[in-house]
Every structure is written in C-alpha cells, then in structure tokens.
Amino acid sequence: MKDHIFYLLIMWGGAFLLLGVGIYVRKMKKPMRLWTTIPVLASDVKDLSAYNREISRLWCICSIPCFITGLIVFWYPVASVIFFVLSCTAGIAWIAWQYQKIEKRYLVK
C-alpha cells in the first residue's frame, strides 16, 4: 500500500508539472516551442495566441495519463504500469503527429 501511495505521488507530481507547463504556455506572449531543437520565432507564427493555446492543450492532455495511472495503481498495479508505458511510447508518436498538424496550421513556411 505504501508503494502505491508513493507511485501515486510520483505520477500526480508529474501530471501537475505537465499541467503547470500547459497553463504557463497559454499565458505566454511569445511562441512556445514543443521540441527543444526547433526554434520558433514570433514572426513565423500566423496567430500567436491560437498557436500557444494548441501547444498548451498538448501539454495538458499529456498530463491525463499520469493522473489515470496514479489512480489505477490501487486496483490494478500491473495494468497501471502497462498503461503508463503505452501512453509514453504511443503518446510520443501522437504528440509528434499533433505537433505536425499545429505546424501546418499556424507556422509560416
């Protein structure tokens, strides 16, 4: 039981961190880049507030699996870990796909 509470605290700590980044991005006045290697300039973005809103949405959605796995661990510990690993692996591909859609919509090429 103590391990489950520790797991919950770690998962929810990560979830609140991702959620906090999402909220912070929504209020930014300059474009937030999702990947550290891709610089995004304000002059490259068609609608800055909409772009940051979409990036913020991605960060907030990424927090959801952490909240869910933190709760599932009490009833199905193995399923919780499997769900977390799947959300990390498939989630990265989904984020890359979503970010490409955001780039096509908001970045000037």
PDB file of N, CA and C in Angstrom:
ATOM      1  N   MET A   1       0.826  -1.196   0.000  1.00  0.00           N
ATOM      2  CA  MET A   1       0.000   0.000   0.000  1.00  0.00           C
ATOM      3  C   MET A   1       0.871   1.261   0.000  1.00  0.00           C
ATOM      4  N   LYS A   2       1.970   1.195   0.760  1.00  0.00           N
ATOM      5  CA  LYS A   2       2.860   2.351   0.816  1.00  0.00           C
ATOM      6  C   LYS A   2       3.487   2.611  -0.558  1.00  0.00           C
ATOM      7  N   ASP A   3       3.783   1.523  -1.286  1.00  0.00           N
ATOM      8  CA  ASP A   3       4.340   1.664  -2.633  1.00  0.00           C
ATOM      9  C   ASP A   3       3.334   2.311  -3.578  1.00  0.00           C
ATOM     10  N   HIS A   4       2.070   1.953  -3.421  1.00  0.00           N
ATOM     11  CA  HIS A   4       1.027   2.522  -4.276  1.00  0.00           C
ATOM     12  C   HIS A   4       0.885   4.024  -4.043  1.00  0.00           C
ATOM     13  N   ILE A   5       0.961   4.440  -2.810  1.00  0.00           N
ATOM     14  CA  ILE A   5       0.863   5.870  -2.495  1.00  0.00           C
ATOM     15  C   ILE A   5       2.071   6.617  -3.049  1.00  0.00           C
ATOM     16  N   PHE A   6       3.247   6.025  -2.947  1.00  0.00           N
ATOM     17  CA  PHE A   6       4.450   6.632  -3.495  1.00  0.00           C
ATOM     18  C   PHE A   6       4.325   6.769  -5.018  1.00  0.00           C
ATOM     19  N   TYR A   7       3.835   5.721  -5.681  1.00  0.00           N
ATOM     20  CA  TYR A   7       3.618   5.745  -7.129  1.00  0.00           C
ATOM     21  C   TYR A   7       2.612   6.831  -7.498  1.00  0.00           C
ATOM     22  N   LEU A   8       1.524   6.921  -6.727  1.00  0.00           N
ATOM     23  CA  LEU A   8       0.513   7.948  -6.963  1.00  0.00           C
ATOM     24  C   LEU A   8       1.123   9.342  -6.855  1.00  0.00           C
ATOM     25  N   LEU A   9       1.940   9.567  -5.843  1.00  0.00           N
ATOM     26  CA  LEU A   9       2.554  10.881  -5.659  1.00  0.00           C
ATOM     27  C   LEU A   9       3.501  11.219  -6.811  1.00  0.00           C
ATOM     28  N   ILE A  10       4.245  10.243  -7.272  1.00  0.00           N
ATOM     29  CA  ILE A  10       5.152  10.493  -8.401  1.00  0.00           C
ATOM     30  C   ILE A  10       4.359  10.779  -9.677  1.00  0.00           C
ATOM     31  N   MET A  11       3.359   9.968  -9.953  1.00  0.00           N
ATOM     32  CA  MET A  11       2.553  10.162 -11.165  1.00  0.00           C
ATOM     33  C   MET A  11       1.816  11.499 -11.127  1.00  0.00           C
ATOM     34  N   TRP A  12       1.199  11.805 -10.010  1.00  0.00           N
ATOM     35  CA  TRP A  12       0.467  13.065  -9.915  1.00  0.00           C
ATOM     36  C   TRP A  12       1.407  14.259  -9.871  1.00  0.00           C
ATOM     37  N   GLY A  13       2.593  14.088  -9.300  1.00  0.00           N
ATOM     38  CA  GLY A  13       3.586  15.163  -9.342  1.00  0.00           C
ATOM     39  C   GLY A  13       3.960  15.484 -10.781  1.00  0.00           C
ATOM     40  N   GLY A  14       4.200  14.445 -11.577  1.00  0.00           N
ATOM     41  CA  GLY A  14       4.493  14.647 -12.996  1.00  0.00           C
ATOM     42  C   GLY A  14       3.310  15.237 -13.743  1.00  0.00           C
ATOM     43  N   ALA A  15       2.112  14.788 -13.388  1.00  0.00           N
ATOM     44  CA  ALA A  15       0.909  15.307 -14.048  1.00  0.00           C
ATOM     45  C   ALA A  15       0.724  16.793 -13.749  1.00  0.00           C
ATOM     46  N   PHE A  16       0.912  17.175 -12.491  1.00  0.00           N
ATOM     47  CA  PHE A  16       0.773  18.587 -12.143  1.00  0.00           C
ATOM     48  C   PHE A  16       1.869  19.431 -12.786  1.00  0.00           C
ATOM     49  N   LEU A  17       3.048  18.862 -12.963  1.00  0.00           N
ATOM     50  CA  LEU A  17       4.125  19.568 -13.649  1.00  0.00           C
ATOM     51  C   LEU A  17       3.741  19.822 -15.113  1.00  0.00           C
ATOM     52  N   LEU A  18       3.261  18.797 -15.797  1.00  0.00           N
ATOM     53  CA  LEU A  18       2.829  18.957 -17.184  1.00  0.00           C
ATOM     54  C   LEU A  18       1.659  19.933 -17.297  1.00  0.00           C
ATOM     55  N   LEU A  19       0.735  19.843 -16.368  1.00  0.00           N
ATOM     56  CA  LEU A  19      -0.410  20.745 -16.353  1.00  0.00           C
ATOM     57  C   LEU A  19       0.039  22.185 -16.120  1.00  0.00           C
ATOM     58  N   GLY A  20       0.998  22.369 -15.227  1.00  0.00           N
ATOM     59  CA  GLY A  20       1.538  23.701 -14.959  1.00  0.00           C
ATOM     60  C   GLY A  20       2.218  24.297 -16.180  1.00  0.00           C
ATOM     61  N   VAL A  21       2.969  23.482 -16.902  1.00  0.00           N
ATOM     62  CA  VAL A  21       3.602  23.961 -18.136  1.00  0.00           C
ATOM     63  C   VAL A  21       2.527  24.359 -19.142  1.00  0.00           C
ATOM     64  N   GLY A  22       1.476  23.557 -19.236  1.00  0.00           N
ATOM     65  CA  GLY A  22       0.380  23.873 -20.151  1.00  0.00           C
ATOM     66  C   GLY A  22      -0.290  25.195 -19.825  1.00  0.00           C
ATOM     67  N   ILE A  23      -0.514  25.448 -18.558  1.00  0.00           N
ATOM     68  CA  ILE A  23      -1.124  26.714 -18.141  1.00  0.00           C
ATOM     69  C   ILE A  23      -0.171  27.876 -18.405  1.00  0.00           C
ATOM     70  N   TYR A  24       1.109  27.666 -18.139  1.00  0.00           N
ATOM     71  CA  TYR A  24       2.109  28.704 -18.374  1.00  0.00           C
ATOM     72  C   TYR A  24       2.197  29.061 -19.856  1.00  0.00           C
ATOM     73  N   VAL A  25       2.179  28.049 -20.714  1.00  0.00           N
ATOM     74  CA  VAL A  25       2.280  28.270 -22.156  1.00  0.00           C
ATOM     75  C   VAL A  25       1.091  29.083 -22.657  1.00  0.00           C
ATOM     76  N   ARG A  26      -0.071  28.825 -22.133  1.00  0.00           N
ATOM     77  CA  ARG A  26      -1.280  29.530 -22.578  1.00  0.00           C
ATOM     78  C   ARG A  26      -1.164  31.030 -22.350  1.00  0.00           C
ATOM     79  N   LYS A  27      -0.427  31.439 -21.319  1.00  0.00           N
ATOM     80  CA  LYS A  27      -0.323  32.852 -20.971  1.00  0.00           C
ATOM     81  C   LYS A  27       0.903  33.546 -21.560  1.00  0.00           C
ATOM     82  N   MET A  28       1.731  32.789 -22.292  1.00  0.00           N
ATOM     83  CA  MET A  28       2.959  33.367 -22.844  1.00  0.00           C
ATOM     84  C   MET A  28       2.655  34.350 -23.967  1.00  0.00           C
ATOM     85  N   LYS A  29       3.529  35.349 -24.091  1.00  0.00           N
ATOM     86  CA  LYS A  29       3.386  36.351 -25.144  1.00  0.00           C
ATOM     87  C   LYS A  29       4.292  36.064 -26.337  1.00  0.00           C
ATOM     88  N   LYS A  30       5.143  35.051 -26.216  1.00  0.00           N
ATOM     89  CA  LYS A  30       5.984  34.639 -27.328  1.00  0.00           C
ATOM     90  C   LYS A  30       5.706  33.160 -27.602  1.00  0.00           C
ATOM     91  N   PRO A  31       6.027  32.685 -28.793  1.00  0.00           N
ATOM     92  CA  PRO A  31       5.697  31.292 -29.108  1.00  0.00           C
ATOM     93  C   PRO A  31       6.509  30.298 -28.283  1.00  0.00           C
ATOM     94  N   MET A  32       5.827  29.287 -27.833  1.00  0.00           N
ATOM     95  CA  MET A  32       6.464  28.214 -27.066  1.00  0.00           C
ATOM     96  C   MET A  32       6.776  27.085 -28.033  1.00  0.00           C
ATOM     97  N   ARG A  33       7.994  26.634 -28.005  1.00  0.00           N
ATOM     98  CA  ARG A  33       8.333  25.508 -28.867  1.00  0.00           C
ATOM     99  C   ARG A  33       8.125  24.215 -28.092  1.00  0.00           C
ATOM    100  N   LEU A  34       7.674  23.222 -28.793  1.00  0.00           N
ATOM    101  CA  LEU A  34       7.411  21.938 -28.150  1.00  0.00           C
ATOM    102  C   LEU A  34       8.691  21.138 -28.014  1.00  0.00           C
ATOM    103  N   TRP A  35       9.487  21.080 -29.071  1.00  0.00           N
ATOM    104  CA  TRP A  35      10.752  20.360 -29.046  1.00  0.00           C
ATOM    105  C   TRP A  35      11.860  21.375 -28.826  1.00  0.00           C
ATOM    106  N   THR A  36      12.880  21.019 -28.118  1.00  0.00           N
ATOM    107  CA  THR A  36      13.943  21.962 -27.806  1.00  0.00           C
ATOM    108  C   THR A  36      14.823  22.276 -29.000  1.00  0.00           C
ATOM    109  N   THR A  37      14.830  21.446 -30.001  1.00  0.00           N
ATOM    110  CA  THR A  37      15.719  21.663 -31.143  1.00  0.00           C
ATOM    111  C   THR A  37      15.089  22.503 -32.245  1.00  0.00           C
ATOM    112  N   ILE A  38      13.806  22.793 -32.158  1.00  0.00           N
ATOM    113  CA  ILE A  38      13.125  23.536 -33.209  1.00  0.00           C
ATOM    114  C   ILE A  38      12.830  24.951 -32.713  1.00  0.00           C
ATOM    115  N   PRO A  39      13.598  25.949 -33.166  1.00  0.00           N
ATOM    116  CA  PRO A  39      13.298  27.314 -32.743  1.00  0.00           C
ATOM    117  C   PRO A  39      12.049  27.846 -33.456  1.00  0.00           C
ATOM    118  N   VAL A  40      11.213  28.541 -32.716  1.00  0.00           N
ATOM    119  CA  VAL A  40      10.014  29.136 -33.282  1.00  0.00           C
ATOM    120  C   VAL A  40      10.051  30.630 -32.959  1.00  0.00           C
ATOM    121  N   LEU A  41      10.065  31.441 -33.997  1.00  0.00           N
ATOM    122  CA  LEU A  41      10.078  32.890 -33.823  1.00  0.00           C
ATOM    123  C   LEU A  41       8.658  33.423 -33.942  1.00  0.00           C
ATOM    124  N   ALA A  42       8.395  34.548 -33.291  1.00  0.00           N
ATOM    125  CA  ALA A  42       7.069  35.152 -33.347  1.00  0.00           C
ATOM    126  C   ALA A  42       6.696  35.509 -34.783  1.00  0.00           C
ATOM    127  N   SER A  43       7.689  35.865 -35.593  1.00  0.00           N
ATOM    128  CA  SER A  43       7.415  36.212 -36.994  1.00  0.00           C
ATOM    129  C   SER A  43       7.038  34.987 -37.827  1.00  0.00           C
ATOM    130  N   ASP A  44       7.308  33.801 -37.329  1.00  0.00           N
ATOM    131  CA  ASP A  44       6.982  32.562 -38.049  1.00  0.00           C
ATOM    132  C   ASP A  44       5.570  32.049 -37.759  1.00  0.00           C
ATOM    133  N   VAL A  45       4.885  32.676 -36.797  1.00  0.00           N
ATOM    134  CA  VAL A  45       3.583  32.183 -36.367  1.00  0.00           C
ATOM    135  C   VAL A  45       2.483  33.102 -36.892  1.00  0.00           C
ATOM    136  N   LYS A  46       1.464  32.509 -37.520  1.00  0.00           N
ATOM    137  CA  LYS A  46       0.349  33.295 -38.063  1.00  0.00           C
ATOM    138  C   LYS A  46      -0.505  33.905 -36.958  1.00  0.00           C
ATOM    139  N   ASP A  47      -0.927  33.098 -36.000  1.00  0.00           N
ATOM    140  CA  ASP A  47      -1.774  33.547 -34.889  1.00  0.00           C
ATOM    141  C   ASP A  47      -1.135  33.048 -33.595  1.00  0.00           C
ATOM    142  N   LEU A  48      -0.428  33.926 -32.914  1.00  0.00           N
ATOM    143  CA  LEU A  48       0.373  33.542 -31.756  1.00  0.00           C
ATOM    144  C   LEU A  48      -0.472  32.983 -30.614  1.00  0.00           C
ATOM    145  N   SER A  49      -1.579  33.633 -30.294  1.00  0.00           N
ATOM    146  CA  SER A  49      -2.385  33.149 -29.161  1.00  0.00           C
ATOM    147  C   SER A  49      -3.006  31.786 -29.460  1.00  0.00           C
ATOM    148  N   ALA A  50      -3.458  31.582 -30.687  1.00  0.00           N
ATOM    149  CA  ALA A  50      -4.039  30.282 -31.049  1.00  0.00           C
ATOM    150  C   ALA A  50      -2.956  29.196 -31.060  1.00  0.00           C
ATOM    151  N   TYR A  51      -1.775  29.537 -31.539  1.00  0.00           N
ATOM    152  CA  TYR A  51      -0.661  28.588 -31.557  1.00  0.00           C
ATOM    153  C   TYR A  51      -0.311  28.156 -30.126  1.00  0.00           C
ATOM    154  N   ASN A  52      -0.156  29.133 -29.228  1.00  0.00           N
ATOM    155  CA  ASN A  52       0.164  28.797 -27.837  1.00  0.00           C
ATOM    156  C   ASN A  52      -0.972  28.037 -27.162  1.00  0.00           C
ATOM    157  N   ARG A  53      -2.199  28.341 -27.540  1.00  0.00           N
ATOM    158  CA  ARG A  53      -3.341  27.608 -26.979  1.00  0.00           C
ATOM    159  C   ARG A  53      -3.280  26.134 -27.384  1.00  0.00           C
ATOM    160  N   GLU A  54      -2.925  25.871 -28.638  1.00  0.00           N
ATOM    161  CA  GLU A  54      -2.815  24.486 -29.110  1.00  0.00           C
ATOM    162  C   GLU A  54      -1.658  23.752 -28.426  1.00  0.00           C
ATOM    163  N   ILE A  55      -0.527  24.415 -28.278  1.00  0.00           N
ATOM    164  CA  ILE A  55       0.615  23.798 -27.583  1.00  0.00           C
ATOM    165  C   ILE A  55       0.246  23.556 -26.120  1.00  0.00           C
ATOM    166  N   SER A  56      -0.445  24.500 -25.519  1.00  0.00           N
ATOM    167  CA  SER A  56      -0.899  24.346 -24.133  1.00  0.00           C
ATOM    168  C   SER A  56      -1.826  23.136 -24.006  1.00  0.00           C
ATOM    169  N   ARG A  57      -2.709  22.988 -24.971  1.00  0.00           N
ATOM    170  CA  ARG A  57      -3.626  21.846 -24.973  1.00  0.00           C
ATOM    171  C   ARG A  57      -2.858  20.530 -25.015  1.00  0.00           C
ATOM    172  N   LEU A  58      -1.789  20.468 -25.822  1.00  0.00           N
ATOM    173  CA  LEU A  58      -0.970  19.260 -25.885  1.00  0.00           C
ATOM    174  C   LEU A  58      -0.362  18.931 -24.529  1.00  0.00           C
ATOM    175  N   TRP A  59       0.207  19.948 -23.872  1.00  0.00           N
ATOM    176  CA  TRP A  59       0.814  19.721 -22.549  1.00  0.00           C
ATOM    177  C   TRP A  59      -0.230  19.233 -21.542  1.00  0.00           C
ATOM    178  N   CYS A  60      -1.395  19.843 -21.565  1.00  0.00           N
ATOM    179  CA  CYS A  60      -2.446  19.449 -20.606  1.00  0.00           C
ATOM    180  C   CYS A  60      -2.952  18.036 -20.876  1.00  0.00           C
ATOM    181  N   ILE A  61      -3.097  17.677 -22.146  1.00  0.00           N
ATOM    182  CA  ILE A  61      -3.538  16.321 -22.489  1.00  0.00           C
ATOM    183  C   ILE A  61      -2.499  15.290 -22.058  1.00  0.00           C
ATOM    184  N   CYS A  62      -1.224  15.670 -22.137  1.00  0.00           N
ATOM    185  CA  CYS A  62      -0.169  14.743 -21.716  1.00  0.00           C
ATOM    186  C   CYS A  62      -0.204  14.459 -20.219  1.00  0.00           C
ATOM    187  N   SER A  63      -0.838  15.312 -19.447  1.00  0.00           N
ATOM    188  CA  SER A  63      -0.923  15.075 -18.003  1.00  0.00           C
ATOM    189  C   SER A  63      -1.992  14.040 -17.647  1.00  0.00           C
ATOM    190  N   ILE A  64      -2.946  13.827 -18.532  1.00  0.00           N
ATOM    191  CA  ILE A  64      -4.076  12.933 -18.231  1.00  0.00           C
ATOM    192  C   ILE A  64      -3.632  11.497 -17.942  1.00  0.00           C
ATOM    193  N   PRO A  65      -2.755  10.879 -18.748  1.00  0.00           N
ATOM    194  CA  PRO A  65      -2.341   9.504 -18.412  1.00  0.00           C
ATOM    195  C   PRO A  65      -1.667   9.398 -17.045  1.00  0.00           C
ATOM    196  N   CYS A  66      -0.945  10.424 -16.639  1.00  0.00           N
ATOM    197  CA  CYS A  66      -0.301  10.381 -15.314  1.00  0.00           C
ATOM    198  C   CYS A  66      -1.340  10.383 -14.202  1.00  0.00           C
ATOM    199  N   PHE A  67      -2.381  11.191 -14.362  1.00  0.00           N
ATOM    200  CA  PHE A  67      -3.453  11.189 -13.362  1.00  0.00           C
ATOM    201  C   PHE A  67      -4.150   9.823 -13.326  1.00  0.00           C
ATOM    202  N   ILE A  68      -4.428   9.273 -14.493  1.00  0.00           N
ATOM    203  CA  ILE A  68      -5.140   7.993 -14.568  1.00  0.00           C
ATOM    204  C   ILE A  68      -4.304   6.856 -13.985  1.00  0.00           C
ATOM    205  N   THR A  69      -3.021   6.773 -14.373  1.00  0.00           N
ATOM    206  CA  THR A  69      -2.195   5.677 -13.857  1.00  0.00           C
ATOM    207  C   THR A  69      -1.987   5.788 -12.360  1.00  0.00           C
ATOM    208  N   GLY A  70      -1.957   7.001 -11.843  1.00  0.00           N
ATOM    209  CA  GLY A  70      -1.834   7.174 -10.401  1.00  0.00           C
ATOM    210  C   GLY A  70      -3.019   6.586  -9.649  1.00  0.00           C
ATOM    211  N   LEU A  71      -4.195   6.665 -10.235  1.00  0.00           N
ATOM    212  CA  LEU A  71      -5.389   6.105  -9.598  1.00  0.00           C
ATOM    213  C   LEU A  71      -5.525   4.597  -9.818  1.00  0.00           C
ATOM    214  N   ILE A  72      -5.218   4.154 -11.025  1.00  0.00           N
ATOM    215  CA  ILE A  72      -5.392   2.736 -11.356  1.00  0.00           C
ATOM    216  C   ILE A  72      -4.506   1.837 -10.499  1.00  0.00           C
ATOM    217  N   VAL A  73      -3.371   2.347 -10.053  1.00  0.00           N
ATOM    218  CA  VAL A  73      -2.411   1.517  -9.320  1.00  0.00           C
ATOM    219  C   VAL A  73      -3.020   0.869  -8.079  1.00  0.00           C
ATOM    220  N   PHE A  74      -4.023   1.464  -7.488  1.00  0.00           N
ATOM    221  CA  PHE A  74      -4.632   0.902  -6.277  1.00  0.00           C
ATOM    222  C   PHE A  74      -5.431  -0.369  -6.568  1.00  0.00           C
ATOM    223  N   TRP A  75      -5.983  -0.506  -7.776  1.00  0.00           N
ATOM    224  CA  TRP A  75      -6.800  -1.663  -8.096  1.00  0.00           C
ATOM    225  C   TRP A  75      -6.070  -2.641  -9.018  1.00  0.00           C
ATOM    226  N   TYR A  76      -5.325  -2.097  -9.986  1.00  0.00           N
ATOM    227  CA  TYR A  76      -4.626  -2.926 -10.969  1.00  0.00           C
ATOM    228  C   TYR A  76      -3.200  -2.406 -11.163  1.00  0.00           C
ATOM    229  N   PRO A  77      -2.287  -2.738 -10.243  1.00  0.00           N
ATOM    230  CA  PRO A  77      -0.931  -2.186 -10.321  1.00  0.00           C
ATOM    231  C   PRO A  77      -0.200  -2.496 -11.632  1.00  0.00           C
ATOM    232  N   VAL A  78      -0.307  -3.715 -12.116  1.00  0.00           N
ATOM    233  CA  VAL A  78       0.385  -4.081 -13.350  1.00  0.00           C
ATOM    234  C   VAL A  78      -0.233  -3.343 -14.536  1.00  0.00           C
ATOM    235  N   ALA A  79      -1.531  -3.254 -14.572  1.00  0.00           N
ATOM    236  CA  ALA A  79      -2.212  -2.530 -15.647  1.00  0.00           C
ATOM    237  C   ALA A  79      -1.825  -1.056 -15.641  1.00  0.00           C
ATOM    238  N   SER A  80      -1.613  -0.523 -14.463  1.00  0.00           N
ATOM    239  CA  SER A  80      -1.210   0.876 -14.347  1.00  0.00           C
ATOM    240  C   SER A  80       0.139   1.125 -15.004  1.00  0.00           C
ATOM    241  N   VAL A  81       1.083   0.242 -14.748  1.00  0.00           N
ATOM    242  CA  VAL A  81       2.417   0.380 -15.344  1.00  0.00           C
ATOM    243  C   VAL A  81       2.343   0.171 -16.861  1.00  0.00           C
ATOM    244  N   ILE A  82       1.569  -0.814 -17.288  1.00  0.00           N
ATOM    245  CA  ILE A  82       1.418  -1.068 -18.727  1.00  0.00           C
ATOM    246  C   ILE A  82       0.789   0.137 -19.413  1.00  0.00           C
ATOM    247  N   PHE A  83      -0.242   0.704 -18.810  1.00  0.00           N
ATOM    248  CA  PHE A  83      -0.897   1.882 -19.371  1.00  0.00           C
ATOM    249  C   PHE A  83       0.068   3.062 -19.437  1.00  0.00           C
ATOM    250  N   PHE A  84       0.881   3.222 -18.418  1.00  0.00           N
ATOM    251  CA  PHE A  84       1.853   4.317 -18.413  1.00  0.00           C
ATOM    252  C   PHE A  84       2.893   4.139 -19.517  1.00  0.00           C
ATOM    253  N   VAL A  85       3.413   2.922 -19.669  1.00  0.00           N
ATOM    254  CA  VAL A  85       4.414   2.655 -20.718  1.00  0.00           C
ATOM    255  C   VAL A  85       3.795   2.870 -22.099  1.00  0.00           C
ATOM    256  N   LEU A  86       2.572   2.390 -22.303  1.00  0.00           N
ATOM    257  CA  LEU A  86       1.907   2.595 -23.586  1.00  0.00           C
ATOM    258  C   LEU A  86       1.641   4.075 -23.855  1.00  0.00           C
ATOM    259  N   SER A  87       1.249   4.801 -22.824  1.00  0.00           N
ATOM    260  CA  SER A  87       0.985   6.224 -23.027  1.00  0.00           C
ATOM    261  C   SER A  87       2.275   6.978 -23.308  1.00  0.00           C
ATOM    262  N   CYS A  88       3.379   6.517 -22.780  1.00  0.00           N
ATOM    263  CA  CYS A  88       4.665   7.164 -23.076  1.00  0.00           C
ATOM    264  C   CYS A  88       5.119   6.850 -24.496  1.00  0.00           C
ATOM    265  N   THR A  89       5.018   5.608 -24.913  1.00  0.00           N
ATOM    266  CA  THR A  89       5.514   5.239 -26.245  1.00  0.00           C
ATOM    267  C   THR A  89       4.557   5.704 -27.344  1.00  0.00           C
ATOM    268  N   ALA A  90       3.322   5.303 -27.256  1.00  0.00           N
ATOM    269  CA  ALA A  90       2.345   5.731 -28.263  1.00  0.00           C
ATOM    270  C   ALA A  90       2.054   7.222 -28.122  1.00  0.00           C
ATOM    271  N   GLY A  91       2.150   7.731 -26.917  1.00  0.00           N
ATOM    272  CA  GLY A  91       1.889   9.150 -26.670  1.00  0.00           C
ATOM    273  C   GLY A  91       2.889  10.052 -27.368  1.00  0.00           C
ATOM    274  N   ILE A  92       4.140   9.632 -27.426  1.00  0.00           N
ATOM    275  CA  ILE A  92       5.155  10.427 -28.105  1.00  0.00           C
ATOM    276  C   ILE A  92       4.845  10.508 -29.603  1.00  0.00           C
ATOM    277  N   ALA A  93       4.443   9.396 -30.184  1.00  0.00           N
ATOM    278  CA  ALA A  93       4.069   9.402 -31.604  1.00  0.00           C
ATOM    279  C   ALA A  93       2.845  10.288 -31.827  1.00  0.00           C
ATOM    280  N   TRP A  94       1.877  10.208 -30.931  1.00  0.00           N
ATOM    281  CA  TRP A  94       0.674  11.035 -31.049  1.00  0.00           C
ATOM    282  C   TRP A  94       1.021  12.520 -30.928  1.00  0.00           C
ATOM    283  N   ILE A  95       1.919  12.875 -29.990  1.00  0.00           N
ATOM    284  CA  ILE A  95       2.330  14.272 -29.823  1.00  0.00           C
ATOM    285  C   ILE A  95       3.025  14.769 -31.088  1.00  0.00           C
ATOM    286  N   ALA A  96       3.912  13.959 -31.651  1.00  0.00           N
ATOM    287  CA  ALA A  96       4.609  14.356 -32.881  1.00  0.00           C
ATOM    288  C   ALA A  96       3.604  14.581 -34.011  1.00  0.00           C
ATOM    289  N   TRP A  97       2.624  13.714 -34.120  1.00  0.00           N
ATOM    290  CA  TRP A  97       1.592  13.851 -35.154  1.00  0.00           C
ATOM    291  C   TRP A  97       0.770  15.119 -34.939  1.00  0.00           C
ATOM    292  N   GLN A  98       0.359  15.369 -33.691  1.00  0.00           N
ATOM    293  CA  GLN A  98      -0.412  16.567 -33.385  1.00  0.00           C
ATOM    294  C   GLN A  98       0.398  17.836 -33.632  1.00  0.00           C
ATOM    295  N   TYR A  99       1.685  17.800 -33.283  1.00  0.00           N
ATOM    296  CA  TYR A  99       2.522  18.971 -33.477  1.00  0.00           C
ATOM    297  C   TYR A  99       2.702  19.276 -34.958  1.00  0.00           C
ATOM    298  N   GLN A 100       2.810  18.258 -35.791  1.00  0.00           N
ATOM    299  CA  GLN A 100       2.895  18.490 -37.235  1.00  0.00           C
ATOM    300  C   GLN A 100       1.631  19.171 -37.749  1.00  0.00           C
ATOM    301  N   LYS A 101       0.478  18.771 -37.232  1.00  0.00           N
ATOM    302  CA  LYS A 101      -0.773  19.417 -37.617  1.00  0.00           C
ATOM    303  C   LYS A 101      -0.785  20.881 -37.167  1.00  0.00           C
ATOM    304  N   ILE A 102      -0.268  21.153 -35.968  1.00  0.00           N
ATOM    305  CA  ILE A 102      -0.203  22.530 -35.471  1.00  0.00           C
ATOM    306  C   ILE A 102       0.748  23.349 -36.333  1.00  0.00           C
ATOM    307  N   GLU A 103       1.888  22.768 -36.689  1.00  0.00           N
ATOM    308  CA  GLU A 103       2.846  23.467 -37.555  1.00  0.00           C
ATOM    309  C   GLU A 103       2.201  23.838 -38.894  1.00  0.00           C
ATOM    310  N   LYS A 104       1.494  22.914 -39.511  1.00  0.00           N
ATOM    311  CA  LYS A 104       0.857  23.185 -40.797  1.00  0.00           C
ATOM    312  C   LYS A 104      -0.182  24.289 -40.671  1.00  0.00           C
ATOM    313  N   ARG A 105      -0.873  24.321 -39.547  1.00  0.00           N
ATOM    314  CA  ARG A 105      -1.947  25.288 -39.357  1.00  0.00           C
ATOM    315  C   ARG A 105      -1.437  26.686 -39.011  1.00  0.00           C
ATOM    316  N   TYR A 106      -0.388  26.786 -38.181  1.00  0.00           N
ATOM    317  CA  TYR A 106      -0.032  28.082 -37.632  1.00  0.00           C
ATOM    318  C   TYR A 106       1.333  28.638 -38.047  1.00  0.00           C
ATOM    319  N   LEU A 107       2.238  27.810 -38.555  1.00  0.00           N
ATOM    320  CA  LEU A 107       3.557  28.326 -38.888  1.00  0.00           C
ATOM    321  C   LEU A 107       3.637  28.731 -40.346  1.00  0.00           C
ATOM    322  N   VAL A 108       4.302  29.846 -40.585  1.00  0.00           N
ATOM    323  CA  VAL A 108       4.530  30.347 -41.937  1.00  0.00           C
ATOM    324  C   VAL A 108       5.780  29.672 -42.459  1.00  0.00           C
ATOM    325  N   LYS A 109       5.680  29.063 -43.608  1.00  0.00           N
ATOM    326  CA  LYS A 109       6.850  28.375 -44.193  1.00  0.00           C
ATOM    327  C   LYS A 109       7.335  29.123 -45.385  1.00  0.00           C
TER     328      LYS A 109
END
